[in-house]
Amino acid sequence: MSSINDNLFGLHTQALDTWQRRSEVLASNLANADTPGYLARDVDFKKALASASGNGNTLAMTITQPGQINPQAQSAQQLAYRTPTQPSMDGNTVDTQVEQANFAANGVHYQASLSFITAQIHMLRTAITGGQS
C-alpha cells in the first residue's frame, strides 16, 4: 500500500511525516525553553526526506533477516542539535523567537503538503466518477 501512495502522491507522504515529526521536536524545544541545560534539537528536513525517498548519497542498507532494525526509519528519526546563536548562562540553547518562527513556517509547509495530497485525492475522485458527485 505504501508504494501505491508513493506513486500517487510523490514525496508528499514522506514530507508530511517529516513535517509532523519536526512540529513535535519544535514544540518540545519551546516547552523546555526554561529548562537548565536543555539543548535545542531540530530535524534536518532535507536529509530526512532524502533518506526516506532513498535518494541519499550513501549506499542504502537493507534488512536481511526478520527482526532487524529498519535503517531507513532510524535515519529519518535522527535529530540534530541546533547551533545556538546566544546560549543562556544555564546552558539552555533554546531561542524562543527562533523556535516560534520555525514552528510557524513548519506549519505552513505541513499545510502545503496536505493541500497537495487533498487536491490529488479530489482529482482522482473526479477521474473515477467522471465529475459527477
C-alpha atoms as a PDB file:
ATOM      1  CA  MET A   1       0.000   0.000   0.000  1.00  0.00           C
ATOM      2  CA  SER A   2       2.886   2.379   0.734  1.00  0.00           C
ATOM      3  CA  SER A   3       4.283   2.080  -2.803  1.00  0.00           C
ATOM      4  CA  ILE A   4       0.823   2.892  -4.221  1.00  0.00           C
ATOM      5  CA  ASN A   5       0.668   6.012  -2.048  1.00  0.00           C
ATOM      6  CA  ASP A   6       4.204   6.969  -3.081  1.00  0.00           C
ATOM      7  CA  ASN A   7       3.278   6.700  -6.752  1.00  0.00           C
ATOM      8  CA  LEU A   8       0.083   8.726  -6.331  1.00  0.00           C
ATOM      9  CA  PHE A   9       1.347  11.465  -4.047  1.00  0.00           C
ATOM     10  CA  GLY A  10       5.080  11.558  -4.722  1.00  0.00           C
ATOM     11  CA  LEU A  11       7.217  12.589  -1.784  1.00  0.00           C
ATOM     12  CA  HIS A  12       4.373  14.430  -0.087  1.00  0.00           C
ATOM     13  CA  THR A  13       3.500  11.459   2.146  1.00  0.00           C
ATOM     14  CA  GLN A  14       7.071  11.268   3.480  1.00  0.00           C
ATOM     15  CA  ALA A  15       7.193  15.067   3.701  1.00  0.00           C
ATOM     16  CA  LEU A  16       4.015  15.093   5.780  1.00  0.00           C
ATOM     17  CA  ASP A  17       5.538  12.601   8.233  1.00  0.00           C
ATOM     18  CA  THR A  18       8.731  14.649   8.444  1.00  0.00           C
ATOM     19  CA  TRP A  19       6.870  17.955   8.956  1.00  0.00           C
ATOM     20  CA  GLN A  20       4.835  16.316  11.733  1.00  0.00           C
ATOM     21  CA  ARG A  21       7.968  14.986  13.425  1.00  0.00           C
ATOM     22  CA  ARG A  22       9.568  18.426  13.174  1.00  0.00           C
ATOM     23  CA  SER A  23       6.486  20.022  14.779  1.00  0.00           C
ATOM     24  CA  GLU A  24       6.856  17.664  17.722  1.00  0.00           C
ATOM     25  CA  VAL A  25      10.558  18.478  18.099  1.00  0.00           C
ATOM     26  CA  LEU A  26       9.993  22.245  17.883  1.00  0.00           C
ATOM     27  CA  ALA A  27       7.139  22.022  20.404  1.00  0.00           C
ATOM     28  CA  SER A  28       9.442  20.102  22.726  1.00  0.00           C
ATOM     29  CA  ASN A  29      12.066  22.834  22.360  1.00  0.00           C
ATOM     30  CA  LEU A  30       9.507  25.505  23.235  1.00  0.00           C
ATOM     31  CA  ALA A  31       8.228  23.508  26.199  1.00  0.00           C
ATOM     32  CA  ASN A  32      11.774  23.253  27.555  1.00  0.00           C
ATOM     33  CA  ALA A  33      12.764  26.882  26.981  1.00  0.00           C
ATOM     34  CA  ASP A  34      13.306  27.380  30.727  1.00  0.00           C
ATOM     35  CA  THR A  35      14.888  24.008  31.477  1.00  0.00           C
ATOM     36  CA  PRO A  36      18.530  24.437  32.533  1.00  0.00           C
ATOM     37  CA  GLY A  37      20.947  22.564  30.292  1.00  0.00           C
ATOM     38  CA  TYR A  38      18.328  21.692  27.646  1.00  0.00           C
ATOM     39  CA  LEU A  39      19.810  21.565  24.155  1.00  0.00           C
ATOM     40  CA  ALA A  40      17.509  22.603  21.308  1.00  0.00           C
ATOM     41  CA  ARG A  41      17.099  19.992  18.593  1.00  0.00           C
ATOM     42  CA  ASP A  42      15.773  20.039  15.063  1.00  0.00           C
ATOM     43  CA  VAL A  43      15.043  17.729  12.158  1.00  0.00           C
ATOM     44  CA  ASP A  44      17.229  18.164   9.089  1.00  0.00           C
ATOM     45  CA  PHE A  45      14.326  18.056   6.635  1.00  0.00           C
ATOM     46  CA  LYS A  46      16.437  17.708   3.510  1.00  0.00           C
ATOM     47  CA  LYS A  47      18.463  14.833   4.958  1.00  0.00           C
ATOM     48  CA  ALA A  48      15.411  13.060   6.412  1.00  0.00           C
ATOM     49  CA  LEU A  49      13.443  13.317   3.168  1.00  0.00           C
ATOM     50  CA  ALA A  50      16.401  12.153   1.081  1.00  0.00           C
ATOM     51  CA  SER A  51      16.767   9.178   3.408  1.00  0.00           C
ATOM     52  CA  ALA A  52      13.046   8.365   3.282  1.00  0.00           C
ATOM     53  CA  SER A  53      12.952   8.594  -0.500  1.00  0.00           C
ATOM     54  CA  GLY A  54      16.107   6.538  -0.951  1.00  0.00           C
ATOM     55  CA  ASN A  55      17.940   9.403  -2.671  1.00  0.00           C
ATOM     56  CA  GLY A  56      20.672   9.761  -0.086  1.00  0.00           C
ATOM     57  CA  ASN A  57      24.313   9.952  -1.133  1.00  0.00           C
ATOM     58  CA  THR A  58      25.167   6.789   0.741  1.00  0.00           C
ATOM     59  CA  LEU A  59      24.641   3.161  -0.098  1.00  0.00           C
ATOM     60  CA  ALA A  60      21.207   2.116   1.126  1.00  0.00           C
ATOM     61  CA  MET A  61      21.187  -0.539   3.840  1.00  0.00           C
ATOM     62  CA  THR A  62      18.578  -3.250   3.763  1.00  0.00           C
ATOM     63  CA  ILE A  63      17.057  -5.656   6.233  1.00  0.00           C
ATOM     64  CA  THR A  64      18.358  -9.167   5.610  1.00  0.00           C
ATOM     65  CA  GLN A  65      16.614 -11.023   8.429  1.00  0.00           C
ATOM     66  CA  PRO A  66      13.318 -10.647  10.286  1.00  0.00           C
ATOM     67  CA  GLY A  67      13.627  -8.650  13.480  1.00  0.00           C
ATOM     68  CA  GLN A  68      16.390  -6.337  12.276  1.00  0.00           C
ATOM     69  CA  ILE A  69      16.030  -2.612  12.767  1.00  0.00           C
ATOM     70  CA  ASN A  70      14.945  -0.706   9.661  1.00  0.00           C
ATOM     71  CA  PRO A  71      17.873   1.623   8.801  1.00  0.00           C
ATOM     72  CA  GLN A  72      15.717   3.993   6.714  1.00  0.00           C
ATOM     73  CA  ALA A  73      13.291   4.531   9.591  1.00  0.00           C
ATOM     74  CA  GLN A  74      16.185   5.051  12.008  1.00  0.00           C
ATOM     75  CA  SER A  75      17.937   7.662   9.880  1.00  0.00           C
ATOM     76  CA  ALA A  76      14.704   9.589   9.353  1.00  0.00           C
ATOM     77  CA  GLN A  77      14.236   9.774  13.145  1.00  0.00           C
ATOM     78  CA  GLN A  78      17.713  11.170  13.888  1.00  0.00           C
ATOM     79  CA  LEU A  79      17.749  14.660  15.284  1.00  0.00           C
ATOM     80  CA  ALA A  80      20.460  17.260  15.148  1.00  0.00           C
ATOM     81  CA  TYR A  81      21.378  19.679  17.889  1.00  0.00           C
ATOM     82  CA  ARG A  82      20.733  23.277  16.916  1.00  0.00           C
ATOM     83  CA  THR A  83      23.720  25.608  16.921  1.00  0.00           C
ATOM     84  CA  PRO A  84      22.844  28.294  19.462  1.00  0.00           C
ATOM     85  CA  THR A  85      23.126  31.953  18.489  1.00  0.00           C
ATOM     86  CA  GLN A  86      23.156  33.039  22.118  1.00  0.00           C
ATOM     87  CA  PRO A  87      23.204  30.249  24.722  1.00  0.00           C
ATOM     88  CA  SER A  88      21.968  31.207  28.152  1.00  0.00           C
ATOM     89  CA  MET A  89      24.049  31.117  31.321  1.00  0.00           C
ATOM     90  CA  ASP A  90      22.321  27.893  32.444  1.00  0.00           C
ATOM     91  CA  GLY A  91      23.329  26.033  29.256  1.00  0.00           C
ATOM     92  CA  ASN A  92      19.887  26.131  27.620  1.00  0.00           C
ATOM     93  CA  THR A  93      20.191  26.686  23.852  1.00  0.00           C
ATOM     94  CA  VAL A  94      16.502  27.320  23.066  1.00  0.00           C
ATOM     95  CA  ASP A  95      15.869  30.707  21.421  1.00  0.00           C
ATOM     96  CA  THR A  96      12.119  31.132  21.831  1.00  0.00           C
ATOM     97  CA  GLN A  97      11.725  33.554  18.934  1.00  0.00           C
ATOM     98  CA  VAL A  98      13.624  31.289  16.533  1.00  0.00           C
ATOM     99  CA  GLU A  99      11.635  28.261  17.668  1.00  0.00           C
ATOM    100  CA  GLN A 100       8.306  30.083  17.264  1.00  0.00           C
ATOM    101  CA  ALA A 101       9.266  31.275  13.762  1.00  0.00           C
ATOM    102  CA  ASN A 102      10.372  27.760  12.776  1.00  0.00           C
ATOM    103  CA  PHE A 103       7.175  26.294  14.223  1.00  0.00           C
ATOM    104  CA  ALA A 104       5.025  28.717  12.188  1.00  0.00           C
ATOM    105  CA  ALA A 105       6.990  28.072   8.976  1.00  0.00           C
ATOM    106  CA  ASN A 106       6.798  24.335   9.580  1.00  0.00           C
ATOM    107  CA  GLY A 107       3.008  24.593   9.884  1.00  0.00           C
ATOM    108  CA  VAL A 108       2.837  26.322   6.500  1.00  0.00           C
ATOM    109  CA  HIS A 109       4.921  23.571   4.900  1.00  0.00           C
ATOM    110  CA  TYR A 110       2.790  20.867   6.517  1.00  0.00           C
ATOM    111  CA  GLN A 111      -0.389  22.536   5.256  1.00  0.00           C
ATOM    112  CA  ALA A 112       1.043  22.852   1.740  1.00  0.00           C
ATOM    113  CA  SER A 113       1.840  19.131   1.567  1.00  0.00           C
ATOM    114  CA  LEU A 114      -1.587  18.303   2.974  1.00  0.00           C
ATOM    115  CA  SER A 115      -3.258  20.571   0.403  1.00  0.00           C
ATOM    116  CA  PHE A 116      -1.371  18.851  -2.410  1.00  0.00           C
ATOM    117  CA  ILE A 117      -2.477  15.406  -1.234  1.00  0.00           C
ATOM    118  CA  THR A 118      -6.080  16.621  -0.853  1.00  0.00           C
ATOM    119  CA  ALA A 119      -6.002  18.036  -4.408  1.00  0.00           C
ATOM    120  CA  GLN A 120      -4.636  14.733  -5.741  1.00  0.00           C
ATOM    121  CA  ILE A 121      -7.440  12.806  -3.995  1.00  0.00           C
ATOM    122  CA  HIS A 122     -10.027  15.213  -5.405  1.00  0.00           C
ATOM    123  CA  MET A 123      -8.567  14.808  -8.899  1.00  0.00           C
ATOM    124  CA  LEU A 124      -8.635  11.013  -8.605  1.00  0.00           C
ATOM    125  CA  ARG A 125     -12.206  11.074  -7.324  1.00  0.00           C
ATOM    126  CA  THR A 126     -13.224  13.283 -10.270  1.00  0.00           C
ATOM    127  CA  ALA A 127     -11.489  10.937 -12.714  1.00  0.00           C
ATOM    128  CA  ILE A 128     -13.222   7.880 -11.227  1.00  0.00           C
ATOM    129  CA  THR A 129     -16.719   9.384 -11.059  1.00  0.00           C
ATOM    130  CA  GLY A 130     -16.438  11.352 -14.298  1.00  0.00           C
ATOM    131  CA  GLY A 131     -17.033  14.641 -12.489  1.00  0.00           C
ATOM    132  CA  GLN A 132     -20.378  13.580 -11.047  1.00  0.00           C
ATOM    133  CA  SER A 133     -20.955  13.657  -7.299  1.00  0.00           C
END
